[in-house]
Amino acid sequence: MLTLLITQLQSDGLASLTKRAWQQLKEADGGDVSSELRLLMASGAAAVAGHLDIVDDEDAQALRADLLRLLGTQRKRRDTALLDALVHVLMARDAIRQLGSVSREGVV
């Protein structure tokens, strides 16, 4: 029974993280990405953030610390802070990738 309750609470948190990621991605892409693709990206980012929040091995602890340092501020909820940092990292990666493709085209 306790395991079922924990699973339900985690899935409730995942829904709110997905909604938060959806909004962040929508603002970042200016509405240019399809709703289906944005939902897929948002749910994936939310799942990663939720997993990082509950996993307790050394690698997860190190990654959590790195992600939380990126924000530079303390937040009350670690799961939303991890999501925010993860979305920033993903957007930075995409920007770097786009810059790389532009330079290969000879525009830069």
PDB file of N, CA and C in Angstrom:
ATOM      1  N   MET A   1       0.824  -1.196   0.000  1.00  0.00           N
ATOM      2  CA  MET A   1       0.000   0.000   0.000  1.00  0.00           C
ATOM      3  C   MET A   1       0.869   1.262   0.000  1.00  0.00           C
ATOM      4  N   LEU A   2       1.934   1.262   0.799  1.00  0.00           N
ATOM      5  CA  LEU A   2       2.820   2.414   0.875  1.00  0.00           C
ATOM      6  C   LEU A   2       3.505   2.651  -0.466  1.00  0.00           C
ATOM      7  N   THR A   3       3.910   1.579  -1.132  1.00  0.00           N
ATOM      8  CA  THR A   3       4.560   1.695  -2.439  1.00  0.00           C
ATOM      9  C   THR A   3       3.610   2.328  -3.449  1.00  0.00           C
ATOM     10  N   LEU A   4       2.342   1.935  -3.417  1.00  0.00           N
ATOM     11  CA  LEU A   4       1.345   2.505  -4.325  1.00  0.00           C
ATOM     12  C   LEU A   4       1.148   3.993  -4.054  1.00  0.00           C
ATOM     13  N   LEU A   5       1.111   4.380  -2.803  1.00  0.00           N
ATOM     14  CA  LEU A   5       0.969   5.790  -2.433  1.00  0.00           C
ATOM     15  C   LEU A   5       2.170   6.599  -2.913  1.00  0.00           C
ATOM     16  N   ILE A   6       3.364   6.076  -2.726  1.00  0.00           N
ATOM     17  CA  ILE A   6       4.579   6.763  -3.174  1.00  0.00           C
ATOM     18  C   ILE A   6       4.565   6.923  -4.691  1.00  0.00           C
ATOM     19  N   THR A   7       4.170   5.870  -5.401  1.00  0.00           N
ATOM     20  CA  THR A   7       4.084   5.934  -6.864  1.00  0.00           C
ATOM     21  C   THR A   7       3.077   6.989  -7.302  1.00  0.00           C
ATOM     22  N   GLN A   8       1.933   7.065  -6.647  1.00  0.00           N
ATOM     23  CA  GLN A   8       0.913   8.063  -6.985  1.00  0.00           C
ATOM     24  C   GLN A   8       1.434   9.477  -6.752  1.00  0.00           C
ATOM     25  N   LEU A   9       2.104   9.701  -5.634  1.00  0.00           N
ATOM     26  CA  LEU A   9       2.644  11.027  -5.347  1.00  0.00           C
ATOM     27  C   LEU A   9       3.715  11.420  -6.351  1.00  0.00           C
ATOM     28  N   GLN A  10       4.559  10.459  -6.751  1.00  0.00           N
ATOM     29  CA  GLN A  10       5.586  10.744  -7.745  1.00  0.00           C
ATOM     30  C   GLN A  10       4.962  11.064  -9.091  1.00  0.00           C
ATOM     31  N   SER A  11       3.903  10.366  -9.474  1.00  0.00           N
ATOM     32  CA  SER A  11       3.270  10.646 -10.759  1.00  0.00           C
ATOM     33  C   SER A  11       2.553  11.990 -10.744  1.00  0.00           C
ATOM     34  N   ASP A  12       2.011  12.383  -9.602  1.00  0.00           N
ATOM     35  CA  ASP A  12       1.419  13.723  -9.496  1.00  0.00           C
ATOM     36  C   ASP A  12       2.492  14.786  -9.694  1.00  0.00           C
ATOM     37  N   GLY A  13       3.651  14.567  -9.103  1.00  0.00           N
ATOM     38  CA  GLY A  13       4.763  15.499  -9.274  1.00  0.00           C
ATOM     39  C   GLY A  13       5.239  15.533 -10.711  1.00  0.00           C
ATOM     40  N   LEU A  14       5.221  14.395 -11.380  1.00  0.00           N
ATOM     41  CA  LEU A  14       5.652  14.326 -12.768  1.00  0.00           C
ATOM     42  C   LEU A  14       4.730  15.135 -13.670  1.00  0.00           C
ATOM     43  N   ALA A  15       3.439  15.116 -13.387  1.00  0.00           N
ATOM     44  CA  ALA A  15       2.491  15.904 -14.193  1.00  0.00           C
ATOM     45  C   ALA A  15       2.773  17.402 -14.064  1.00  0.00           C
ATOM     46  N   SER A  16       3.040  17.861 -12.856  1.00  0.00           N
ATOM     47  CA  SER A  16       3.315  19.293 -12.676  1.00  0.00           C
ATOM     48  C   SER A  16       4.669  19.677 -13.286  1.00  0.00           C
ATOM     49  N   LEU A  17       5.649  18.769 -13.211  1.00  0.00           N
ATOM     50  CA  LEU A  17       6.939  19.042 -13.853  1.00  0.00           C
ATOM     51  C   LEU A  17       6.788  19.102 -15.371  1.00  0.00           C
ATOM     52  N   THR A  18       5.981  18.207 -15.923  1.00  0.00           N
ATOM     53  CA  THR A  18       5.748  18.207 -17.373  1.00  0.00           C
ATOM     54  C   THR A  18       5.090  19.508 -17.806  1.00  0.00           C
ATOM     55  N   LYS A  19       4.118  19.973 -17.041  1.00  0.00           N
ATOM     56  CA  LYS A  19       3.453  21.237 -17.364  1.00  0.00           C
ATOM     57  C   LYS A  19       4.444  22.397 -17.321  1.00  0.00           C
ATOM     58  N   ARG A  20       5.298  22.400 -16.321  1.00  0.00           N
ATOM     59  CA  ARG A  20       6.306  23.463 -16.191  1.00  0.00           C
ATOM     60  C   ARG A  20       7.279  23.431 -17.372  1.00  0.00           C
ATOM     61  N   ALA A  21       7.741  22.228 -17.727  1.00  0.00           N
ATOM     62  CA  ALA A  21       8.654  22.089 -18.867  1.00  0.00           C
ATOM     63  C   ALA A  21       7.962  22.507 -20.163  1.00  0.00           C
ATOM     64  N   TRP A  22       6.698  22.135 -20.316  1.00  0.00           N
ATOM     65  CA  TRP A  22       5.914  22.516 -21.505  1.00  0.00           C
ATOM     66  C   TRP A  22       5.930  24.029 -21.683  1.00  0.00           C
ATOM     67  N   GLN A  23       5.655  24.765 -20.605  1.00  0.00           N
ATOM     68  CA  GLN A  23       5.620  26.227 -20.665  1.00  0.00           C
ATOM     69  C   GLN A  23       6.989  26.800 -21.019  1.00  0.00           C
ATOM     70  N   GLN A  24       8.028  26.274 -20.405  1.00  0.00           N
ATOM     71  CA  GLN A  24       9.375  26.769 -20.687  1.00  0.00           C
ATOM     72  C   GLN A  24       9.761  26.518 -22.133  1.00  0.00           C
ATOM     73  N   LEU A  25       9.452  25.343 -22.633  1.00  0.00           N
ATOM     74  CA  LEU A  25       9.787  25.022 -24.015  1.00  0.00           C
ATOM     75  C   LEU A  25       8.962  25.843 -24.997  1.00  0.00           C
ATOM     76  N   LYS A  26       7.698  26.083 -24.668  1.00  0.00           N
ATOM     77  CA  LYS A  26       6.835  26.896 -25.535  1.00  0.00           C
ATOM     78  C   LYS A  26       7.372  28.316 -25.637  1.00  0.00           C
ATOM     79  N   GLU A  27       7.803  28.873 -24.512  1.00  0.00           N
ATOM     80  CA  GLU A  27       8.383  30.218 -24.526  1.00  0.00           C
ATOM     81  C   GLU A  27       9.679  30.244 -25.336  1.00  0.00           C
ATOM     82  N   ALA A  28      10.458  29.181 -25.218  1.00  0.00           N
ATOM     83  CA  ALA A  28      11.754  29.142 -25.901  1.00  0.00           C
ATOM     84  C   ALA A  28      11.624  28.945 -27.407  1.00  0.00           C
ATOM     85  N   ASP A  29      10.648  28.147 -27.830  1.00  0.00           N
ATOM     86  CA  ASP A  29      10.544  27.862 -29.266  1.00  0.00           C
ATOM     87  C   ASP A  29       9.608  28.806 -30.007  1.00  0.00           C
ATOM     88  N   GLY A  30       8.948  29.693 -29.290  1.00  0.00           N
ATOM     89  CA  GLY A  30       8.075  30.665 -29.935  1.00  0.00           C
ATOM     90  C   GLY A  30       6.879  30.050 -30.638  1.00  0.00           C
ATOM     91  N   GLY A  31       6.516  28.828 -30.269  1.00  0.00           N
ATOM     92  CA  GLY A  31       5.370  28.177 -30.896  1.00  0.00           C
ATOM     93  C   GLY A  31       5.692  27.495 -32.207  1.00  0.00           C
ATOM     94  N   ASP A  32       6.981  27.403 -32.542  1.00  0.00           N
ATOM     95  CA  ASP A  32       7.381  26.803 -33.814  1.00  0.00           C
ATOM     96  C   ASP A  32       7.416  25.274 -33.778  1.00  0.00           C
ATOM     97  N   VAL A  33       7.381  24.685 -32.603  1.00  0.00           N
ATOM     98  CA  VAL A  33       7.444  23.231 -32.464  1.00  0.00           C
ATOM     99  C   VAL A  33       6.034  22.695 -32.290  1.00  0.00           C
ATOM    100  N   SER A  34       5.752  21.549 -32.908  1.00  0.00           N
ATOM    101  CA  SER A  34       4.418  20.959 -32.794  1.00  0.00           C
ATOM    102  C   SER A  34       4.112  20.612 -31.345  1.00  0.00           C
ATOM    103  N   SER A  35       2.846  20.603 -31.017  1.00  0.00           N
ATOM    104  CA  SER A  35       2.414  20.281 -29.657  1.00  0.00           C
ATOM    105  C   SER A  35       2.851  18.884 -29.252  1.00  0.00           C
ATOM    106  N   GLU A  36       2.784  17.935 -30.178  1.00  0.00           N
ATOM    107  CA  GLU A  36       3.157  16.557 -29.871  1.00  0.00           C
ATOM    108  C   GLU A  36       4.650  16.463 -29.527  1.00  0.00           C
ATOM    109  N   LEU A  37       5.481  17.120 -30.320  1.00  0.00           N
ATOM    110  CA  LEU A  37       6.921  17.086 -30.070  1.00  0.00           C
ATOM    111  C   LEU A  37       7.261  17.812 -28.768  1.00  0.00           C
ATOM    112  N   ARG A  38       6.607  18.947 -28.520  1.00  0.00           N
ATOM    113  CA  ARG A  38       6.857  19.687 -27.283  1.00  0.00           C
ATOM    114  C   ARG A  38       6.445  18.852 -26.077  1.00  0.00           C
ATOM    115  N   LEU A  39       5.313  18.129 -26.166  1.00  0.00           N
ATOM    116  CA  LEU A  39       4.881  17.278 -25.064  1.00  0.00           C
ATOM    117  C   LEU A  39       5.876  16.146 -24.836  1.00  0.00           C
ATOM    118  N   LEU A  40       6.391  15.575 -25.906  1.00  0.00           N
ATOM    119  CA  LEU A  40       7.391  14.521 -25.780  1.00  0.00           C
ATOM    120  C   LEU A  40       8.653  15.039 -25.094  1.00  0.00           C
ATOM    121  N   MET A  41       9.124  16.210 -25.521  1.00  0.00           N
ATOM    122  CA  MET A  41      10.323  16.788 -24.899  1.00  0.00           C
ATOM    123  C   MET A  41      10.062  17.163 -23.445  1.00  0.00           C
ATOM    124  N   ALA A  42       8.902  17.751 -23.173  1.00  0.00           N
ATOM    125  CA  ALA A  42       8.570  18.172 -21.811  1.00  0.00           C
ATOM    126  C   ALA A  42       8.452  16.974 -20.879  1.00  0.00           C
ATOM    127  N   SER A  43       7.780  15.928 -21.329  1.00  0.00           N
ATOM    128  CA  SER A  43       7.614  14.757 -20.463  1.00  0.00           C
ATOM    129  C   SER A  43       8.953  14.053 -20.252  1.00  0.00           C
ATOM    130  N   GLY A  44       9.803  14.045 -21.261  1.00  0.00           N
ATOM    131  CA  GLY A  44      11.131  13.448 -21.102  1.00  0.00           C
ATOM    132  C   GLY A  44      11.976  14.220 -20.112  1.00  0.00           C
ATOM    133  N   ALA A  45      11.984  15.542 -20.235  1.00  0.00           N
ATOM    134  CA  ALA A  45      12.757  16.369 -19.301  1.00  0.00           C
ATOM    135  C   ALA A  45      12.208  16.232 -17.881  1.00  0.00           C
ATOM    136  N   ALA A  46      10.885  16.189 -17.757  1.00  0.00           N
ATOM    137  CA  ALA A  46      10.267  16.032 -16.434  1.00  0.00           C
ATOM    138  C   ALA A  46      10.616  14.678 -15.826  1.00  0.00           C
ATOM    139  N   ALA A  47      10.625  13.630 -16.647  1.00  0.00           N
ATOM    140  CA  ALA A  47      10.967  12.300 -16.145  1.00  0.00           C
ATOM    141  C   ALA A  47      12.418  12.254 -15.667  1.00  0.00           C
ATOM    142  N   VAL A  48      13.312  12.884 -16.417  1.00  0.00           N
ATOM    143  CA  VAL A  48      14.722  12.912 -16.017  1.00  0.00           C
ATOM    144  C   VAL A  48      14.878  13.684 -14.705  1.00  0.00           C
ATOM    145  N   ALA A  49      14.246  14.852 -14.616  1.00  0.00           N
ATOM    146  CA  ALA A  49      14.344  15.657 -13.396  1.00  0.00           C
ATOM    147  C   ALA A  49      13.748  14.911 -12.202  1.00  0.00           C
ATOM    148  N   GLY A  50      12.601  14.274 -12.400  1.00  0.00           N
ATOM    149  CA  GLY A  50      11.980  13.513 -11.326  1.00  0.00           C
ATOM    150  C   GLY A  50      12.843  12.349 -10.883  1.00  0.00           C
ATOM    151  N   HIS A  51      13.446  11.671 -11.824  1.00  0.00           N
ATOM    152  CA  HIS A  51      14.322  10.552 -11.501  1.00  0.00           C
ATOM    153  C   HIS A  51      15.561  11.030 -10.740  1.00  0.00           C
ATOM    154  N   LEU A  52      16.168  12.118 -11.232  1.00  0.00           N
ATOM    155  CA  LEU A  52      17.344  12.664 -10.544  1.00  0.00           C
ATOM    156  C   LEU A  52      17.024  13.100  -9.116  1.00  0.00           C
ATOM    157  N   ASP A  53      15.797  13.525  -8.907  1.00  0.00           N
ATOM    158  CA  ASP A  53      15.402  13.986  -7.583  1.00  0.00           C
ATOM    159  C   ASP A  53      15.334  12.842  -6.572  1.00  0.00           C
ATOM    160  N   ILE A  54      15.016  11.634  -7.028  1.00  0.00           N
ATOM    161  CA  ILE A  54      14.829  10.534  -6.069  1.00  0.00           C
ATOM    162  C   ILE A  54      15.979   9.534  -6.031  1.00  0.00           C
ATOM    163  N   VAL A  55      16.784   9.474  -7.088  1.00  0.00           N
ATOM    164  CA  VAL A  55      17.903   8.529  -7.116  1.00  0.00           C
ATOM    165  C   VAL A  55      18.996   9.042  -6.175  1.00  0.00           C
ATOM    166  N   ASP A  56      19.654   8.101  -5.506  1.00  0.00           N
ATOM    167  CA  ASP A  56      20.594   8.530  -4.480  1.00  0.00           C
ATOM    168  C   ASP A  56      21.983   7.915  -4.612  1.00  0.00           C
ATOM    169  N   ASP A  57      22.412   7.583  -5.827  1.00  0.00           N
ATOM    170  CA  ASP A  57      23.772   7.071  -5.967  1.00  0.00           C
ATOM    171  C   ASP A  57      24.744   8.236  -6.172  1.00  0.00           C
ATOM    172  N   GLU A  58      26.031   7.940  -6.196  1.00  0.00           N
ATOM    173  CA  GLU A  58      27.048   8.999  -6.290  1.00  0.00           C
ATOM    174  C   GLU A  58      26.949   9.811  -7.572  1.00  0.00           C
ATOM    175  N   ASP A  59      26.715   9.134  -8.687  1.00  0.00           N
ATOM    176  CA  ASP A  59      26.612   9.846  -9.964  1.00  0.00           C
ATOM    177  C   ASP A  59      25.430  10.812  -9.970  1.00  0.00           C
ATOM    178  N   ALA A  60      24.309  10.359  -9.443  1.00  0.00           N
ATOM    179  CA  ALA A  60      23.120  11.220  -9.382  1.00  0.00           C
ATOM    180  C   ALA A  60      23.369  12.411  -8.460  1.00  0.00           C
ATOM    181  N   GLN A  61      24.027  12.173  -7.345  1.00  0.00           N
ATOM    182  CA  GLN A  61      24.328  13.270  -6.424  1.00  0.00           C
ATOM    183  C   GLN A  61      25.232  14.309  -7.081  1.00  0.00           C
ATOM    184  N   ALA A  62      26.222  13.839  -7.830  1.00  0.00           N
ATOM    185  CA  ALA A  62      27.143  14.756  -8.508  1.00  0.00           C
ATOM    186  C   ALA A  62      26.416  15.545  -9.589  1.00  0.00           C
ATOM    187  N   LEU A  63      25.581  14.872 -10.370  1.00  0.00           N
ATOM    188  CA  LEU A  63      24.836  15.559 -11.426  1.00  0.00           C
ATOM    189  C   LEU A  63      23.845  16.561 -10.841  1.00  0.00           C
ATOM    190  N   ARG A  64      23.163  16.168  -9.773  1.00  0.00           N
ATOM    191  CA  ARG A  64      22.246  17.102  -9.094  1.00  0.00           C
ATOM    192  C   ARG A  64      22.989  18.346  -8.641  1.00  0.00           C
ATOM    193  N   ALA A  65      24.129  18.162  -8.020  1.00  0.00           N
ATOM    194  CA  ALA A  65      24.908  19.305  -7.528  1.00  0.00           C
ATOM    195  C   ALA A  65      25.321  20.208  -8.687  1.00  0.00           C
ATOM    196  N   ASP A  66      25.780  19.614  -9.787  1.00  0.00           N
ATOM    197  CA  ASP A  66      26.177  20.414 -10.956  1.00  0.00           C
ATOM    198  C   ASP A  66      24.997  21.199 -11.519  1.00  0.00           C
ATOM    199  N   LEU A  67      23.862  20.539 -11.662  1.00  0.00           N
ATOM    200  CA  LEU A  67      22.684  21.210 -12.217  1.00  0.00           C
ATOM    201  C   LEU A  67      22.197  22.334 -11.301  1.00  0.00           C
ATOM    202  N   LEU A  68      22.157  22.075 -10.010  1.00  0.00           N
ATOM    203  CA  LEU A  68      21.680  23.098  -9.076  1.00  0.00           C
ATOM    204  C   LEU A  68      22.631  24.285  -9.003  1.00  0.00           C
ATOM    205  N   ARG A  69      23.934  24.044  -9.182  1.00  0.00           N
ATOM    206  CA  ARG A  69      24.900  25.152  -9.206  1.00  0.00           C
ATOM    207  C   ARG A  69      24.684  26.044 -10.425  1.00  0.00           C
ATOM    208  N   LEU A  70      24.201  25.477 -11.510  1.00  0.00           N
ATOM    209  CA  LEU A  70      23.944  26.285 -12.710  1.00  0.00           C
ATOM    210  C   LEU A  70      22.934  27.390 -12.443  1.00  0.00           C
ATOM    211  N   LEU A  71      21.972  27.120 -11.582  1.00  0.00           N
ATOM    212  CA  LEU A  71      20.941  28.117 -11.292  1.00  0.00           C
ATOM    213  C   LEU A  71      21.460  29.247 -10.417  1.00  0.00           C
ATOM    214  N   GLY A  72      22.417  28.922  -9.547  1.00  0.00           N
ATOM    215  CA  GLY A  72      23.011  29.941  -8.699  1.00  0.00           C
ATOM    216  C   GLY A  72      22.122  30.439  -7.577  1.00  0.00           C
ATOM    217  N   THR A  73      20.956  29.846  -7.404  1.00  0.00           N
ATOM    218  CA  THR A  73      20.058  30.253  -6.325  1.00  0.00           C
ATOM    219  C   THR A  73      19.502  29.015  -5.644  1.00  0.00           C
ATOM    220  N   GLN A  74      19.056  29.189  -4.432  1.00  0.00           N
ATOM    221  CA  GLN A  74      18.403  28.091  -3.720  1.00  0.00           C
ATOM    222  C   GLN A  74      16.913  28.143  -4.003  1.00  0.00           C
ATOM    223  N   ARG A  75      16.350  27.003  -4.258  1.00  0.00           N
ATOM    224  CA  ARG A  75      14.914  26.890  -4.485  1.00  0.00           C
ATOM    225  C   ARG A  75      14.314  25.994  -3.413  1.00  0.00           C
ATOM    226  N   LYS A  76      13.034  26.189  -3.147  1.00  0.00           N
ATOM    227  CA  LYS A  76      12.380  25.357  -2.141  1.00  0.00           C
ATOM    228  C   LYS A  76      12.199  23.924  -2.629  1.00  0.00           C
ATOM    229  N   ARG A  77      11.816  23.759  -3.883  1.00  0.00           N
ATOM    230  CA  ARG A  77      11.564  22.420  -4.414  1.00  0.00           C
ATOM    231  C   ARG A  77      12.722  21.996  -5.295  1.00  0.00           C
ATOM    232  N   ARG A  78      13.374  20.934  -4.904  1.00  0.00           N
ATOM    233  CA  ARG A  78      14.535  20.475  -5.668  1.00  0.00           C
ATOM    234  C   ARG A  78      14.132  19.947  -7.043  1.00  0.00           C
ATOM    235  N   ASP A  79      12.959  19.299  -7.158  1.00  0.00           N
ATOM    236  CA  ASP A  79      12.570  18.745  -8.448  1.00  0.00           C
ATOM    237  C   ASP A  79      12.353  19.833  -9.497  1.00  0.00           C
ATOM    238  N   THR A  80      11.739  20.944  -9.117  1.00  0.00           N
ATOM    239  CA  THR A  80      11.535  22.025 -10.090  1.00  0.00           C
ATOM    240  C   THR A  80      12.854  22.725 -10.408  1.00  0.00           C
ATOM    241  N   ALA A  81      13.729  22.833  -9.421  1.00  0.00           N
ATOM    242  CA  ALA A  81      15.044  23.433  -9.685  1.00  0.00           C
ATOM    243  C   ALA A  81      15.835  22.559 -10.652  1.00  0.00           C
ATOM    244  N   LEU A  82      15.782  21.244 -10.457  1.00  0.00           N
ATOM    245  CA  LEU A  82      16.476  20.336 -11.373  1.00  0.00           C
ATOM    246  C   LEU A  82      15.901  20.442 -12.776  1.00  0.00           C
ATOM    247  N   LEU A  83      14.579  20.538 -12.869  1.00  0.00           N
ATOM    248  CA  LEU A  83      13.944  20.680 -14.178  1.00  0.00           C
ATOM    249  C   LEU A  83      14.378  21.975 -14.850  1.00  0.00           C
ATOM    250  N   ASP A  84      14.340  23.082 -14.118  1.00  0.00           N
ATOM    251  CA  ASP A  84      14.742  24.373 -14.689  1.00  0.00           C
ATOM    252  C   ASP A  84      16.180  24.320 -15.202  1.00  0.00           C
ATOM    253  N   ALA A  85      17.071  23.751 -14.408  1.00  0.00           N
ATOM    254  CA  ALA A  85      18.472  23.660 -14.820  1.00  0.00           C
ATOM    255  C   ALA A  85      18.627  22.749 -16.025  1.00  0.00           C
ATOM    256  N   LEU A  86      17.909  21.646 -16.033  1.00  0.00           N
ATOM    257  CA  LEU A  86      17.980  20.707 -17.153  1.00  0.00           C
ATOM    258  C   LEU A  86      17.472  21.346 -18.440  1.00  0.00           C
ATOM    259  N   VAL A  87      16.392  22.088 -18.368  1.00  0.00           N
ATOM    260  CA  VAL A  87      15.867  22.777 -19.556  1.00  0.00           C
ATOM    261  C   VAL A  87      16.879  23.804 -20.054  1.00  0.00           C
ATOM    262  N   HIS A  88      17.522  24.520 -19.141  1.00  0.00           N
ATOM    263  CA  HIS A  88      18.560  25.484 -19.555  1.00  0.00           C
ATOM    264  C   HIS A  88      19.713  24.788 -20.267  1.00  0.00           C
ATOM    265  N   VAL A  89      20.127  23.645 -19.729  1.00  0.00           N
ATOM    266  CA  VAL A  89      21.221  22.890 -20.349  1.00  0.00           C
ATOM    267  C   VAL A  89      20.811  22.416 -21.738  1.00  0.00           C
ATOM    268  N   LEU A  90      19.606  21.909 -21.867  1.00  0.00           N
ATOM    269  CA  LEU A  90      19.137  21.432 -23.170  1.00  0.00           C
ATOM    270  C   LEU A  90      19.033  22.570 -24.189  1.00  0.00           C
ATOM    271  N   MET A  91      18.573  23.731 -23.750  1.00  0.00           N
ATOM    272  CA  MET A  91      18.482  24.876 -24.670  1.00  0.00           C
ATOM    273  C   MET A  91      19.873  25.372 -25.061  1.00  0.00           C
ATOM    274  N   ALA A  92      20.804  25.368 -24.114  1.00  0.00           N
ATOM    275  CA  ALA A  92      22.177  25.773 -24.431  1.00  0.00           C
ATOM    276  C   ALA A  92      22.800  24.796 -25.419  1.00  0.00           C
ATOM    277  N   ARG A  93      22.571  23.513 -25.211  1.00  0.00           N
ATOM    278  CA  ARG A  93      23.091  22.501 -26.132  1.00  0.00           C
ATOM    279  C   ARG A  93      22.533  22.705 -27.536  1.00  0.00           C
ATOM    280  N   ASP A  94      21.248  22.990 -27.616  1.00  0.00           N
ATOM    281  CA  ASP A  94      20.628  23.219 -28.924  1.00  0.00           C
ATOM    282  C   ASP A  94      21.201  24.466 -29.594  1.00  0.00           C
ATOM    283  N   ALA A  95      21.421  25.518 -28.816  1.00  0.00           N
ATOM    284  CA  ALA A  95      22.003  26.744 -29.378  1.00  0.00           C
ATOM    285  C   ALA A  95      23.411  26.488 -29.901  1.00  0.00           C
ATOM    286  N   ILE A  96      24.199  25.731 -29.154  1.00  0.00           N
ATOM    287  CA  ILE A  96      25.561  25.400 -29.594  1.00  0.00           C
ATOM    288  C   ILE A  96      25.517  24.561 -30.863  1.00  0.00           C
ATOM    289  N   ARG A  97      24.588  23.615 -30.906  1.00  0.00           N
ATOM    290  CA  ARG A  97      24.434  22.777 -32.098  1.00  0.00           C
ATOM    291  C   ARG A  97      24.066  23.618 -33.315  1.00  0.00           C
ATOM    292  N   GLN A  98      23.157  24.567 -33.119  1.00  0.00           N
ATOM    293  CA  GLN A  98      22.770  25.445 -34.232  1.00  0.00           C
ATOM    294  C   GLN A  98      23.917  26.314 -34.689  1.00  0.00           C
ATOM    295  N   LEU A  99      24.710  26.834 -33.758  1.00  0.00           N
ATOM    296  CA  LEU A  99      25.873  27.616 -34.131  1.00  0.00           C
ATOM    297  C   LEU A  99      26.866  26.776 -34.926  1.00  0.00           C
ATOM    298  N   GLY A 100      27.044  25.538 -34.525  1.00  0.00           N
ATOM    299  CA  GLY A 100      27.951  24.641 -35.230  1.00  0.00           C
ATOM    300  C   GLY A 100      27.481  24.377 -36.658  1.00  0.00           C
ATOM    301  N   SER A 101      26.188  24.219 -36.847  1.00  0.00           N
ATOM    302  CA  SER A 101      25.666  23.954 -38.191  1.00  0.00           C
ATOM    303  C   SER A 101      25.779  25.205 -39.060  1.00  0.00           C
ATOM    304  N   VAL A 102      25.636  26.379 -38.472  1.00  0.00           N
ATOM    305  CA  VAL A 102      25.767  27.622 -39.228  1.00  0.00           C
ATOM    306  C   VAL A 102      27.223  27.816 -39.671  1.00  0.00           C
ATOM    307  N   SER A 103      28.159  27.519 -38.774  1.00  0.00           N
ATOM    308  CA  SER A 103      29.566  27.711 -39.129  1.00  0.00           C
ATOM    309  C   SER A 103      30.002  26.708 -40.191  1.00  0.00           C
ATOM    310  N   ARG A 104      29.433  25.512 -40.185  1.00  0.00           N
ATOM    311  CA  ARG A 104      29.769  24.526 -41.222  1.00  0.00           C
ATOM    312  C   ARG A 104      29.214  24.937 -42.580  1.00  0.00           C
ATOM    313  N   GLU A 105      28.172  25.737 -42.583  1.00  0.00           N
ATOM    314  CA  GLU A 105      27.595  26.203 -43.841  1.00  0.00           C
ATOM    315  C   GLU A 105      28.379  27.364 -44.431  1.00  0.00           C
ATOM    316  N   GLY A 106      29.366  27.848 -43.701  1.00  0.00           N
ATOM    317  CA  GLY A 106      30.191  28.944 -44.199  1.00  0.00           C
ATOM    318  C   GLY A 106      29.600  30.316 -43.990  1.00  0.00           C
ATOM    319  N   VAL A 107      28.539  30.419 -43.190  1.00  0.00           N
ATOM    320  CA  VAL A 107      27.912  31.704 -42.945  1.00  0.00           C
ATOM    321  C   VAL A 107      28.718  32.528 -41.952  1.00  0.00           C
ATOM    322  N   VAL A 108      29.343  31.863 -40.989  1.00  0.00           N
ATOM    323  CA  VAL A 108      30.121  32.569 -39.966  1.00  0.00           C
ATOM    324  C   VAL A 108      31.521  32.756 -40.421  1.00  0.00           C
TER     325      VAL A 108
END
